């Protein structure tokens, strides 16, 4: 189950013109401290003014992430890399910090001294749902990734055995298009990747 650590509401201040809210910065500092004392098998994200600790995904989820990673690799933009390594990407304007299950990001932009990486470095994120965080993957993350102009969000819904690809984001508005298929079908991963993702071997 997910564990939420409440942060006082006054800590979540509106962001300034540079997108750096004082309250969000404090949340990030608190998360860095929590990261050092986190129970084994848990990871932390910043969601809705709270630090949320969730258990890592089950081992049998790895087959799908491996397949997605392997198919992405030949199409990754120059200077970017695809990783399933846990990294925390921050979105100050939305006061969020997410650790996607898989991400493609700019190498140079993510060479930072710390655990907080800029969300603006992302060219693709993928989330594979599990029961503790499924609602956030289907709602909050669609909104935040889209408004932050992450070009592609691949949502693998294990509960419904579907893949939804969100794309064409507009700044501050979110994704303008999406395509959903059942496991077993192919789905187009749009620019900057431009290939058909094969899900024939995927099972929920």
Foldseek 3Di string as FASTA:
>chain_A
DKDKDADDPVLDDAADPVLADNSLVVVVVVQQVCVVVPDPQWHWKFDPRIIMIDGDDDPVVVVVVVLVQVVQVVQADPQKHKDQPFAWEDRSNVSIIDGARMWIFHPVQQPDDDRYGHLLRTQEGEHEDDVVCNVCLVPVCQQRNQQSCNAWYWYQYQVQQKIKIFGDGDHRGGTPDIDMDHQLDWDFDDPPRGDIRGRNPDHD
